Amino acid sequence: MRTVLLCGREVLPHAAALREVYADAFGDAPWHEDDTYADAFLSRLEGHADRPGFHAALAFDGQRLLGFCTAWLTPAPFPGDRCYPQVAAALGPELTGSWLCGSQEIDELAVRAEARGRGLGTALLDAVTSKAPDDSSWLMTSVRAPDAVRFYRHLGWRQIVHPAPEGRGMAVFLAPRHPAIPSD
């Protein structure tokens, strides 16, 4: 197993393999994303590669890509698209700005189903978070993905935004060494 860390547009020659892993990782429950979502991911990738601080960890078995993790620096002002408004509303403007803006945002963590349970997700996340300024990384995931929520908690990530009572919405996590987490 070999892991490489790529910056910016260095990731683009691997786009087809990234799309394949994305489709495998998010095709089944709880996501049920079809090829349309995998194509949308691929379309977003080129723009994401130009974001400040963009980098990706890719894990290979020989030439075959088994998983990846992408990240970038969260801009200020805090974005207003996708699920960001939910996060900002839950945290409020002061905490959103101080905890998330300028921090490294984990965008995607995807591992082929056949490669799960061998520490690959942890290795990819560790590789990407090693580049975080001041150890400040964060991520959001859907509460519809209880395995993902358990995975991040198991690694010591601290959940700071809880979903609506109906069990919908986003769970937001700070990395174990994020400066906003009090040291024990």
Protein backbone atom coordinates (compact mmCIF):
# COMPACT_ATOMS: atom_id res chain seq x y z
CA MET A 1 0.00 0.00 0.00
CA ARG A 2 1.35 3.40 -0.99
CA THR A 3 -0.10 6.81 -0.04
CA VAL A 4 0.77 9.99 -1.93
CA LEU A 5 -0.08 13.57 -1.04
CA LEU A 6 -0.80 15.84 -3.99
CA CYS A 7 -1.35 19.59 -4.09
CA GLY A 8 -3.65 21.60 -6.33
CA ARG A 9 -3.96 20.46 -9.91
CA GLU A 10 -1.51 17.58 -9.39
CA VAL A 11 -4.60 15.52 -8.53
CA LEU A 12 -6.29 15.99 -11.93
CA PRO A 13 -4.40 13.24 -13.83
CA HIS A 14 -6.06 10.82 -11.37
CA ALA A 15 -9.58 12.17 -11.97
CA ALA A 16 -11.00 9.05 -13.63
CA ALA A 17 -9.75 6.79 -10.82
CA LEU A 18 -11.07 9.24 -8.20
CA ARG A 19 -14.49 9.17 -9.84
CA GLU A 20 -14.45 5.37 -9.81
CA VAL A 21 -13.62 5.25 -6.09
CA TYR A 22 -16.24 7.93 -5.36
CA ALA A 23 -18.92 5.89 -7.18
CA ASP A 24 -17.92 2.75 -5.28
CA ALA A 25 -17.81 4.47 -1.88
CA PHE A 26 -21.06 6.40 -2.16
CA GLY A 27 -23.15 4.08 -4.35
CA ASP A 28 -24.53 1.95 -1.55
CA ALA A 29 -26.35 2.71 1.70
CA PRO A 30 -26.66 5.14 3.28
CA TRP A 31 -25.78 7.46 0.38
CA HIS A 32 -27.31 5.67 -2.64
CA GLU A 33 -25.61 8.09 -5.04
CA ASP A 34 -25.80 7.11 -8.68
CA ASP A 35 -23.46 7.94 -11.57
CA THR A 36 -24.93 11.45 -11.76
CA TYR A 37 -23.39 12.24 -8.36
CA ALA A 38 -20.05 10.70 -9.33
CA ASP A 39 -20.05 12.81 -12.49
CA ALA A 40 -20.89 15.92 -10.44
CA PHE A 41 -17.99 15.13 -8.09
CA LEU A 42 -15.67 14.90 -11.08
CA SER A 43 -16.96 18.23 -12.43
CA ARG A 44 -16.38 19.92 -9.05
CA LEU A 45 -12.89 18.45 -8.70
CA GLU A 46 -11.28 20.74 -11.26
CA GLY A 47 -12.58 23.85 -9.50
CA HIS A 48 -11.72 22.45 -6.09
CA ALA A 49 -8.14 21.79 -7.20
CA ASP A 50 -7.72 25.56 -7.62
CA ARG A 51 -8.91 26.40 -4.09
CA PRO A 52 -6.33 27.81 -1.69
CA GLY A 53 -4.69 25.02 0.27
CA PHE A 54 -6.24 22.21 -1.79
CA HIS A 55 -4.51 18.87 -1.39
CA ALA A 56 -5.45 15.22 -1.63
CA ALA A 57 -4.13 11.99 -0.17
CA LEU A 58 -4.45 9.01 -2.51
CA ALA A 59 -3.92 5.39 -1.47
CA PHE A 60 -2.80 2.87 -4.08
CA ASP A 61 -2.38 -0.88 -4.15
CA GLY A 62 0.05 -1.13 -7.04
CA GLN A 63 -1.50 1.12 -9.69
CA ARG A 64 -5.08 0.70 -8.42
CA LEU A 65 -6.56 3.56 -6.39
CA LEU A 66 -8.28 2.26 -3.24
CA GLY A 67 -9.22 5.52 -1.56
CA PHE A 68 -8.71 9.24 -1.29
CA CYS A 69 -9.24 12.22 0.97
CA THR A 70 -9.47 15.83 -0.24
CA ALA A 71 -9.21 19.06 1.74
CA TRP A 72 -8.77 22.81 1.39
CA LEU A 73 -8.75 25.95 3.52
CA THR A 74 -12.22 27.24 4.37
CA PRO A 75 -12.53 30.80 3.08
CA ALA A 76 -13.72 33.89 4.89
CA PRO A 77 -16.42 34.91 4.59
CA PHE A 78 -17.90 31.48 5.24
CA PRO A 79 -19.47 29.98 2.10
CA GLY A 80 -23.23 30.22 1.59
CA ASP A 81 -23.80 27.25 -0.72
CA ARG A 82 -24.27 23.50 -0.17
CA CYS A 83 -24.79 22.72 3.56
CA TYR A 84 -22.76 25.65 4.85
CA PRO A 85 -25.78 27.78 5.88
CA GLN A 86 -26.93 25.00 8.25
CA VAL A 87 -23.50 24.91 9.86
CA ALA A 88 -23.28 28.69 10.18
CA ALA A 89 -26.77 28.90 11.68
CA ALA A 90 -25.97 26.22 14.25
CA LEU A 91 -22.62 27.73 15.32
CA GLY A 92 -23.38 31.41 14.93
CA PRO A 93 -21.17 33.92 13.14
CA GLU A 94 -18.48 34.30 15.83
CA LEU A 95 -17.69 30.58 16.24
CA THR A 96 -18.04 29.93 12.52
CA GLY A 97 -15.43 32.58 11.82
CA SER A 98 -13.00 31.66 14.55
CA TRP A 99 -13.29 27.86 14.41
CA LEU A 100 -13.86 27.14 10.72
CA CYS A 101 -12.71 30.01 8.49
CA GLY A 102 -9.01 29.60 7.74
CA SER A 103 -9.11 26.02 8.98
CA GLN A 104 -8.61 22.99 6.80
CA GLU A 105 -11.91 21.54 5.66
CA ILE A 106 -12.03 17.84 4.85
CA ASP A 107 -14.24 17.63 1.78
CA GLU A 108 -14.34 13.97 0.79
CA LEU A 109 -13.07 10.77 2.34
CA ALA A 110 -13.81 7.79 0.12
CA VAL A 111 -12.58 4.20 0.38
CA ARG A 112 -13.61 1.32 -1.87
CA ALA A 113 -15.91 -1.12 -0.07
CA GLU A 114 -13.40 -3.96 -0.52
CA ALA A 115 -10.64 -1.96 1.22
CA ARG A 116 -12.57 -0.87 4.32
CA GLY A 117 -11.71 -2.02 7.79
CA ARG A 118 -7.94 -2.05 7.21
CA GLY A 119 -7.06 1.43 8.49
CA LEU A 120 -7.01 3.05 5.08
CA GLY A 121 -9.54 5.76 5.94
CA THR A 122 -7.55 6.64 9.06
CA ALA A 123 -4.29 6.78 7.10
CA LEU A 124 -5.81 9.04 4.44
CA LEU A 125 -7.33 11.36 7.01
CA ASP A 126 -4.04 11.50 8.93
CA ALA A 127 -2.10 12.31 5.74
CA VAL A 128 -4.39 15.19 4.87
CA THR A 129 -4.68 16.60 8.39
CA SER A 130 -0.90 16.65 8.72
CA LYS A 131 -1.05 19.72 6.45
CA ALA A 132 -3.60 21.62 8.59
CA PRO A 133 -2.54 25.04 9.83
CA ASP A 134 -2.24 24.92 13.63
CA ASP A 135 -3.86 21.43 13.62
CA SER A 136 -7.18 23.08 12.79
CA SER A 137 -9.18 20.67 10.64
CA TRP A 138 -12.92 20.19 10.48
CA LEU A 139 -15.48 18.26 8.48
CA MET A 140 -19.17 17.74 8.09
CA THR A 141 -21.06 14.56 7.36
CA SER A 142 -24.69 13.59 7.17
CA VAL A 143 -26.31 12.01 10.19
CA ARG A 144 -27.77 9.53 7.68
CA ALA A 145 -24.29 7.96 7.76
CA PRO A 146 -24.01 6.50 11.27
CA ASP A 147 -20.90 4.49 10.35
CA ALA A 148 -19.11 7.70 9.32
CA VAL A 149 -20.21 9.46 12.51
CA ARG A 150 -18.92 6.53 14.61
CA PHE A 151 -15.66 6.45 12.63
CA TYR A 152 -14.87 10.12 13.31
CA ARG A 153 -15.81 9.81 16.98
CA HIS A 154 -13.61 6.72 17.29
CA LEU A 155 -10.66 8.73 15.96
CA GLY A 156 -11.23 11.42 18.58
CA TRP A 157 -12.93 13.99 16.39
CA ARG A 158 -15.30 16.14 18.46
CA GLN A 159 -18.85 16.67 17.21
CA ILE A 160 -19.79 20.34 17.63
CA VAL A 161 -23.01 20.64 15.65
CA HIS A 162 -25.80 18.20 16.29
CA PRO A 163 -28.62 17.47 13.88
CA ALA A 164 -32.20 18.53 14.15
CA PRO A 165 -34.37 16.43 16.47
CA GLU A 166 -35.82 14.60 13.48
CA GLY A 167 -32.39 13.08 12.84
CA ARG A 168 -31.75 15.12 9.71
CA GLY A 169 -28.97 17.49 8.92
CA MET A 170 -25.25 17.66 9.26
CA ALA A 171 -22.91 16.60 12.00
CA VAL A 172 -19.85 18.86 12.17
CA PHE A 173 -16.61 17.62 13.72
CA LEU A 174 -13.38 19.29 14.81
CA ALA A 175 -10.11 17.35 14.60
CA PRO A 176 -8.75 16.05 17.90
CA ARG A 177 -6.01 18.74 18.09
CA HIS A 178 -8.12 21.64 16.79
CA PRO A 179 -7.30 24.75 18.87
CA ALA A 180 -10.98 25.17 19.79
CA ILE A 181 -10.97 21.88 21.71
CA PRO A 182 -9.82 22.36 25.28
CA SER A 183 -6.81 20.28 26.24
CA ASP A 184 -7.48 17.72 28.95
